[in-house]
Amino acid sequence: MDGNKTVEFRAQKRPLLKRITSTSEFSVFVALVILIIAMSFASPVFMTPTNIFNVLNQISRYGIIAVGMSLIIISGGIDLSVGYVVGITACYCAYFSSEAVNMPWPVVLIVILLMGAAIGLVNGLIVTRLNIVPFIVTLAMGKILSGATLLLTQGRPIFFNSYLSLLGGGYIGAVPVAVIVMFLAVVAGTVFTTKTLTGRNIYAIGNNERAATLSGIKVNKLKCLTYVITSTLCALCGIIVAGNLGSADAALGKNYETDVIAAVVIGGVAMSGGEGTVWGSLIGAAIMGILKNAFVLLGVSAYWQSIVIGIVIVAAVALDSFRTASAEKVHKENAERIAKESAKQAKNK
């Protein structure tokens, strides 16, 4: 028994630097640094404070939603309705705050966040109770929300003036409020996933749902929680986007799901579930934001932007598959080596 413990200890013991550099987040961070250095030489405007805060403001909406999307994908799910949740909550925020309704801004804030939570709860309950694939459930929810948004707006923008606009267009010093909200969301998400039992259980579900169930983890409840958190963050993002524009229309939130999923996967979250970090998703969102900003600064056509983003998504998923396969191979080799050494020590006794 003591020999077995010694073998396990040696197998797990690695230098701190090696543990840091071997993570997927480190490689993504290096890619981000290289991209920043390259852009600082390619465009003199890139490193100006105005442009930096502009980029941060742009990625804030993706970064906020990526916190929730990370939880869903880590648990083994997916949510394709996030962009539509942003759209409908932004439009209802504008509608409730418009002169026609003129609800107090604290009431609007609470109602919109509850609306987002309710949408996430419906997604979660359908996925867990009816055992329908999340891809289909959230895709269908997106279509429903798209139609509901068009019914509300009738295809026209809704203008409003409210204190909620400060969330999207306000500044604290030189820093946009939306950027501060994003970092707070990332910090909260990181603490939740690393320091709480509930957060660690979400990883367990993504690694092996059956084993998690047998160990007493309330799988369905936690899966529902991930969808509720994500849609609530989408509602917060809807308020920010509407506040930034001072209006909302049915086109808001379009293609957000693509950018958010790309950011999460680029940031090191495994599509197979059970692996990844919230702060890694923030790095992925930063890479997406800088790429889009680079296209604008370098005068690249918008058509090429879509092509490059598509290539980046495919490359990120391919890298994720390669990383997962490599990790499984290493794990299998380590397990076989430990088993052989344990058997050898037992034979020597």
Protein backbone atom coordinates (compact mmCIF):
# COMPACT_ATOMS: atom_id res chain seq x y z
CA MET A 1 0.00 0.00 0.00
CA ASP A 2 2.80 2.43 0.95
CA GLY A 3 4.59 1.60 -2.29
CA ASN A 4 1.48 2.46 -4.28
CA LYS A 5 1.21 5.84 -2.55
CA THR A 6 4.83 6.61 -3.38
CA VAL A 7 4.28 5.79 -7.04
CA GLU A 8 1.19 8.01 -7.24
CA PHE A 9 3.01 10.90 -5.56
CA ARG A 10 5.88 10.74 -8.03
CA ALA A 11 3.53 10.58 -10.97
CA GLN A 12 1.65 13.69 -9.87
CA LYS A 13 4.58 15.81 -8.72
CA ARG A 14 5.60 18.40 -11.34
CA PRO A 15 7.44 21.72 -11.15
CA LEU A 16 5.17 24.78 -10.81
CA LEU A 17 6.46 26.38 -14.02
CA LYS A 18 5.78 23.22 -15.99
CA ARG A 19 2.25 23.00 -14.58
CA ILE A 20 1.57 26.59 -15.67
CA THR A 21 3.09 26.31 -19.14
CA SER A 22 1.38 23.00 -19.88
CA THR A 23 -2.12 24.46 -19.51
CA SER A 24 -4.15 25.33 -22.59
CA GLU A 25 -4.79 28.81 -21.14
CA PHE A 26 -1.05 29.57 -21.15
CA SER A 27 -0.70 28.80 -24.85
CA VAL A 28 -3.74 30.96 -25.60
CA PHE A 29 -2.28 33.78 -23.49
CA VAL A 30 0.98 33.55 -25.45
CA ALA A 31 -1.02 33.77 -28.69
CA LEU A 32 -2.77 36.87 -27.34
CA VAL A 33 0.56 38.53 -26.47
CA ILE A 34 1.96 37.75 -29.93
CA LEU A 35 -1.18 39.19 -31.54
CA ILE A 36 -0.90 42.38 -29.49
CA ILE A 37 2.79 42.81 -30.37
CA ALA A 38 2.10 42.21 -34.06
CA MET A 39 -0.73 44.73 -34.13
CA SER A 40 1.34 47.35 -32.27
CA PHE A 41 3.81 47.24 -35.18
CA ALA A 42 1.14 46.96 -37.90
CA SER A 43 -0.87 49.99 -36.76
CA PRO A 44 0.31 53.00 -34.73
CA VAL A 45 -3.28 53.55 -33.58
CA PHE A 46 -3.64 50.13 -31.96
CA MET A 47 -1.86 50.87 -28.67
CA THR A 48 -3.44 54.26 -28.08
CA PRO A 49 -5.58 54.48 -24.91
CA THR A 50 -8.67 55.36 -26.95
CA ASN A 51 -8.38 52.25 -29.10
CA ILE A 52 -7.54 49.98 -26.15
CA PHE A 53 -10.66 51.02 -24.26
CA ASN A 54 -12.66 50.74 -27.47
CA VAL A 55 -11.52 47.13 -27.89
CA LEU A 56 -12.27 46.36 -24.23
CA ASN A 57 -15.72 47.88 -24.63
CA GLN A 58 -16.37 45.71 -27.68
CA ILE A 59 -15.28 42.47 -26.03
CA SER A 60 -17.16 43.24 -22.80
CA ARG A 61 -20.47 41.92 -24.16
CA TYR A 62 -18.86 38.69 -25.39
CA GLY A 63 -16.80 38.36 -22.22
CA ILE A 64 -19.86 38.63 -19.97
CA ILE A 65 -21.80 35.97 -21.86
CA ALA A 66 -18.69 33.78 -22.14
CA VAL A 67 -18.70 33.37 -18.36
CA GLY A 68 -22.04 31.58 -18.54
CA MET A 69 -21.29 29.76 -21.79
CA SER A 70 -18.14 28.35 -20.17
CA LEU A 71 -20.26 26.79 -17.42
CA ILE A 72 -22.67 25.24 -19.92
CA ILE A 73 -19.97 23.75 -22.14
CA ILE A 74 -17.95 22.53 -19.13
CA SER A 75 -21.10 20.69 -17.97
CA GLY A 76 -21.40 19.07 -21.41
CA GLY A 77 -24.10 21.30 -22.93
CA ILE A 78 -24.40 24.11 -25.47
CA ASP A 79 -26.60 27.21 -25.82
CA LEU A 80 -27.37 28.63 -29.25
CA SER A 81 -30.03 31.03 -27.99
CA VAL A 82 -27.73 33.53 -26.26
CA GLY A 83 -27.80 36.09 -29.07
CA TYR A 84 -31.59 36.02 -29.21
CA VAL A 85 -31.82 36.41 -25.43
CA VAL A 86 -29.65 39.52 -25.75
CA GLY A 87 -31.92 40.82 -28.51
CA ILE A 88 -35.25 40.34 -26.77
CA THR A 89 -34.07 41.62 -23.38
CA ALA A 90 -32.50 44.67 -25.02
CA CYS A 91 -35.76 45.45 -26.82
CA TYR A 92 -37.89 44.99 -23.69
CA CYS A 93 -35.43 47.13 -21.74
CA ALA A 94 -35.90 49.88 -24.32
CA TYR A 95 -39.67 49.38 -24.39
CA PHE A 96 -40.12 49.52 -20.61
CA SER A 97 -37.83 52.57 -20.40
CA SER A 98 -39.44 54.44 -23.31
CA GLU A 99 -41.82 57.36 -22.91
CA ALA A 100 -44.78 55.09 -23.73
CA VAL A 101 -44.26 52.98 -20.59
CA ASN A 102 -41.70 54.91 -18.51
CA MET A 103 -41.10 52.31 -15.78
CA PRO A 104 -38.60 53.23 -13.04
CA TRP A 105 -35.11 52.05 -14.00
CA PRO A 106 -34.62 49.79 -10.91
CA VAL A 107 -37.84 47.97 -11.78
CA VAL A 108 -36.75 47.60 -15.42
CA LEU A 109 -33.40 46.20 -14.31
CA ILE A 110 -35.01 43.57 -12.08
CA VAL A 111 -37.67 42.63 -14.64
CA ILE A 112 -35.14 42.19 -17.46
CA LEU A 113 -32.79 40.08 -15.35
CA LEU A 114 -35.72 37.92 -14.22
CA MET A 115 -36.81 37.58 -17.84
CA GLY A 116 -33.36 36.29 -18.75
CA ALA A 117 -33.36 33.87 -15.80
CA ALA A 118 -36.81 32.57 -16.81
CA ILE A 119 -35.66 31.88 -20.38
CA GLY A 120 -32.64 30.00 -19.05
CA LEU A 121 -34.82 28.00 -16.67
CA VAL A 122 -37.09 26.94 -19.54
CA ASN A 123 -34.06 25.85 -21.57
CA GLY A 124 -32.66 23.91 -18.63
CA LEU A 125 -35.93 22.19 -17.75
CA ILE A 126 -36.56 21.08 -21.33
CA VAL A 127 -33.01 19.74 -21.64
CA THR A 128 -33.07 17.87 -18.33
CA ARG A 129 -36.71 16.82 -17.93
CA LEU A 130 -37.52 15.97 -21.55
CA ASN A 131 -34.00 14.71 -22.35
CA ILE A 132 -33.82 16.67 -25.59
CA VAL A 133 -30.40 17.53 -27.00
CA PRO A 134 -29.34 21.08 -25.90
CA PHE A 135 -28.43 21.96 -29.48
CA ILE A 136 -32.04 21.46 -30.62
CA VAL A 137 -33.64 23.02 -27.54
CA THR A 138 -31.64 26.23 -27.63
CA LEU A 139 -31.84 26.51 -31.42
CA ALA A 140 -35.63 26.31 -31.20
CA MET A 141 -35.68 28.78 -28.29
CA GLY A 142 -33.65 31.19 -30.40
CA LYS A 143 -36.24 31.06 -33.18
CA ILE A 144 -39.09 31.61 -30.71
CA LEU A 145 -37.34 34.62 -29.17
CA SER A 146 -36.53 36.04 -32.60
CA GLY A 147 -40.21 35.99 -33.56
CA ALA A 148 -41.25 37.47 -30.21
CA THR A 149 -38.74 40.30 -30.64
CA LEU A 150 -40.11 41.12 -34.11
CA LEU A 151 -43.65 41.14 -32.71
CA LEU A 152 -42.59 43.65 -30.06
CA THR A 153 -40.61 45.97 -32.32
CA GLN A 154 -42.58 45.54 -35.54
CA GLY A 155 -39.23 45.86 -37.28
CA ARG A 156 -38.59 49.37 -35.95
CA PRO A 157 -36.05 50.58 -33.35
CA ILE A 158 -37.26 51.57 -29.89
CA PHE A 159 -35.59 54.67 -28.43
CA PHE A 160 -35.30 55.41 -24.74
CA ASN A 161 -33.52 57.57 -22.20
CA SER A 162 -32.77 56.03 -18.80
CA TYR A 163 -30.13 55.72 -16.11
CA LEU A 164 -29.66 52.17 -17.38
CA SER A 165 -27.86 53.70 -20.35
CA LEU A 166 -24.92 54.26 -18.01
CA LEU A 167 -24.28 50.49 -17.98
CA GLY A 168 -23.60 50.56 -21.70
CA GLY A 169 -22.44 54.11 -22.35
CA GLY A 170 -21.16 55.31 -18.98
CA TYR A 171 -17.56 55.73 -17.82
CA ILE A 172 -15.75 55.69 -14.49
CA GLY A 173 -12.78 57.87 -15.26
CA ALA A 174 -11.54 56.64 -18.63
CA VAL A 175 -12.83 53.09 -18.14
CA PRO A 176 -16.21 52.09 -19.64
CA VAL A 177 -18.69 50.77 -17.06
CA ALA A 178 -19.33 47.75 -19.29
CA VAL A 179 -15.67 46.75 -19.02
CA ILE A 180 -15.81 46.91 -15.22
CA VAL A 181 -18.98 44.78 -15.26
CA MET A 182 -17.19 42.24 -17.49
CA PHE A 183 -14.21 41.90 -15.14
CA LEU A 184 -16.52 41.58 -12.13
CA ALA A 185 -18.42 38.80 -13.93
CA VAL A 186 -15.18 36.99 -14.79
CA VAL A 187 -13.89 37.25 -11.20
CA ALA A 188 -17.22 36.00 -9.84
CA GLY A 189 -17.25 33.13 -12.36
CA THR A 190 -13.67 32.16 -11.53
CA VAL A 191 -14.37 32.13 -7.78
CA PHE A 192 -17.56 30.13 -8.35
CA THR A 193 -15.85 27.43 -10.44
CA THR A 194 -12.69 27.10 -8.33
CA LYS A 195 -13.72 27.84 -4.75
CA THR A 196 -17.23 26.41 -4.41
CA LEU A 197 -18.44 22.82 -4.27
CA THR A 198 -21.21 23.61 -6.77
CA GLY A 199 -18.69 24.93 -9.30
CA ARG A 200 -16.44 21.88 -8.94
CA ASN A 201 -19.46 19.60 -9.34
CA ILE A 202 -20.15 21.19 -12.73
CA TYR A 203 -16.73 19.93 -13.85
CA ALA A 204 -17.59 16.49 -12.49
CA ILE A 205 -20.78 16.42 -14.58
CA GLY A 206 -18.86 17.31 -17.73
CA ASN A 207 -16.20 14.69 -17.06
CA ASN A 208 -18.58 11.81 -16.38
CA GLU A 209 -22.28 12.51 -15.91
CA ARG A 210 -23.15 8.97 -14.85
CA ALA A 211 -20.41 8.88 -12.22
CA ALA A 212 -21.52 12.31 -10.98
CA THR A 213 -25.08 11.03 -10.60
CA LEU A 214 -23.98 7.92 -8.72
CA SER A 215 -21.87 10.06 -6.37
CA GLY A 216 -24.95 12.00 -5.30
CA ILE A 217 -24.51 15.17 -7.36
CA LYS A 218 -27.84 16.71 -8.40
CA VAL A 219 -27.01 16.72 -12.10
CA ASN A 220 -30.29 18.07 -13.46
CA LYS A 221 -30.41 20.91 -10.96
CA LEU A 222 -26.86 22.01 -11.74
CA LYS A 223 -27.44 21.80 -15.48
CA CYS A 224 -30.49 24.03 -15.08
CA LEU A 225 -28.39 26.42 -13.02
CA THR A 226 -25.84 26.82 -15.82
CA TYR A 227 -28.57 27.80 -18.29
CA VAL A 228 -30.16 30.21 -15.81
CA ILE A 229 -26.82 31.90 -15.12
CA THR A 230 -26.03 32.20 -18.83
CA SER A 231 -29.38 33.69 -19.82
CA THR A 232 -29.27 36.11 -16.88
CA LEU A 233 -25.86 37.30 -18.05
CA CYS A 234 -27.31 37.62 -21.56
CA ALA A 235 -30.06 39.84 -20.14
CA LEU A 236 -27.41 41.98 -18.44
CA CYS A 237 -25.59 42.17 -21.76
CA GLY A 238 -28.86 43.17 -23.46
CA ILE A 239 -29.20 46.11 -21.08
CA ILE A 240 -25.58 47.11 -21.78
CA VAL A 241 -25.98 46.92 -25.57
CA ALA A 242 -29.25 48.87 -25.52
CA GLY A 243 -27.77 51.44 -23.15
CA ASN A 244 -24.75 51.91 -25.39
CA LEU A 245 -26.96 52.71 -28.37
CA GLY A 246 -29.81 54.46 -26.56
CA SER A 247 -32.14 52.25 -28.57
CA ALA A 248 -32.84 48.62 -29.44
CA ASP A 249 -34.12 46.70 -32.45
CA ALA A 250 -34.64 43.10 -33.53
CA ALA A 251 -31.14 42.88 -35.07
CA LEU A 252 -29.35 43.26 -31.73
CA GLY A 253 -27.53 40.13 -30.58
CA LYS A 254 -27.24 38.70 -34.10
CA ASN A 255 -24.44 36.09 -34.36
CA TYR A 256 -23.45 36.57 -30.71
CA GLU A 257 -23.66 32.82 -30.15
CA THR A 258 -20.99 32.19 -32.80
CA ASP A 259 -18.56 34.73 -31.35
CA VAL A 260 -19.15 33.62 -27.75
CA ILE A 261 -18.71 29.90 -28.48
CA ALA A 262 -15.57 30.71 -30.50
CA ALA A 263 -14.17 32.77 -27.61
CA VAL A 264 -14.87 29.99 -25.11
CA VAL A 265 -13.30 27.26 -27.26
CA ILE A 266 -10.29 29.43 -28.14
CA GLY A 267 -9.90 30.07 -24.41
CA GLY A 268 -9.38 26.38 -23.71
CA VAL A 269 -12.80 25.08 -22.72
CA ALA A 270 -13.21 21.57 -24.13
CA MET A 271 -16.31 21.04 -26.26
CA SER A 272 -16.51 17.54 -24.78
CA GLY A 273 -16.98 19.09 -21.33
CA GLY A 274 -15.22 18.83 -17.99
CA GLU A 275 -12.26 21.07 -18.82
CA GLY A 276 -11.54 24.78 -19.10
CA THR A 277 -11.61 28.00 -17.09
CA VAL A 278 -13.65 31.18 -17.05
CA TRP A 279 -10.62 33.43 -17.28
CA GLY A 280 -9.38 31.41 -20.25
CA SER A 281 -12.64 32.31 -22.01
CA LEU A 282 -11.89 35.98 -21.33
CA ILE A 283 -8.57 35.56 -23.14
CA GLY A 284 -10.44 33.95 -26.03
CA ALA A 285 -12.86 36.88 -26.13
CA ALA A 286 -9.89 39.26 -26.16
CA ILE A 287 -8.38 37.46 -29.15
CA MET A 288 -11.70 37.69 -31.01
CA GLY A 289 -12.02 41.39 -30.18
CA ILE A 290 -8.47 42.22 -31.25
CA LEU A 291 -8.91 40.33 -34.53
CA LYS A 292 -12.03 42.33 -35.34
CA ASN A 293 -10.33 45.57 -34.37
CA ALA A 294 -7.32 44.63 -36.50
CA PHE A 295 -9.53 44.19 -39.56
CA VAL A 296 -10.88 47.70 -39.11
CA LEU A 297 -7.50 49.34 -38.47
CA LEU A 298 -5.87 47.54 -41.42
CA GLY A 299 -8.78 48.27 -43.75
CA VAL A 300 -9.66 44.61 -44.36
CA SER A 301 -13.01 44.00 -46.05
CA ALA A 302 -15.88 42.87 -43.85
CA TYR A 303 -16.30 39.84 -46.10
CA TRP A 304 -12.78 38.67 -45.22
CA GLN A 305 -13.58 39.20 -41.57
CA SER A 306 -16.26 36.50 -41.69
CA ILE A 307 -13.94 34.11 -43.52
CA VAL A 308 -11.10 34.56 -41.04
CA ILE A 309 -13.39 34.24 -38.01
CA GLY A 310 -14.78 31.01 -39.48
CA ILE A 311 -11.26 29.64 -39.99
CA VAL A 312 -10.35 30.59 -36.40
CA ILE A 313 -13.39 28.72 -35.07
CA VAL A 314 -12.54 25.56 -37.04
CA ALA A 315 -8.90 25.79 -35.95
CA ALA A 316 -9.93 26.23 -32.30
CA VAL A 317 -12.24 23.19 -32.38
CA ALA A 318 -9.56 21.12 -34.16
CA LEU A 319 -7.02 22.16 -31.53
CA ASP A 320 -9.49 21.24 -28.79
CA SER A 321 -9.95 17.76 -30.30
CA PHE A 322 -6.19 17.29 -30.60
CA ARG A 323 -5.64 18.49 -27.02
CA THR A 324 -8.33 16.14 -25.68
CA ALA A 325 -6.89 13.16 -27.56
CA SER A 326 -3.37 13.95 -26.35
CA ALA A 327 -4.54 14.29 -22.73
CA GLU A 328 -6.35 10.95 -22.90
CA LYS A 329 -3.24 9.29 -24.35
CA VAL A 330 -1.01 10.71 -21.60
CA HIS A 331 -3.52 9.69 -18.91
CA LYS A 332 -3.67 6.16 -20.28
CA GLU A 333 0.12 5.87 -20.43
CA ASN A 334 0.49 7.16 -16.86
CA ALA A 335 -2.15 4.73 -15.60
CA GLU A 336 -0.41 1.81 -17.32
CA ARG A 337 2.99 2.85 -15.96
CA ILE A 338 1.67 3.19 -12.40
CA ALA A 339 -0.04 -0.19 -12.66
CA LYS A 340 3.19 -1.84 -13.86
CA GLU A 341 5.30 -0.25 -11.11
CA SER A 342 2.71 -1.21 -8.48
CA ALA A 343 2.68 -4.80 -9.74
CA LYS A 344 6.48 -4.88 -9.75
CA GLN A 345 6.71 -3.64 -6.15
CA ALA A 346 4.05 -6.12 -5.03
CA LYS A 347 6.01 -8.94 -6.70
CA ASN A 348 9.25 -7.88 -4.98
CA LYS A 349 7.54 -8.09 -1.58
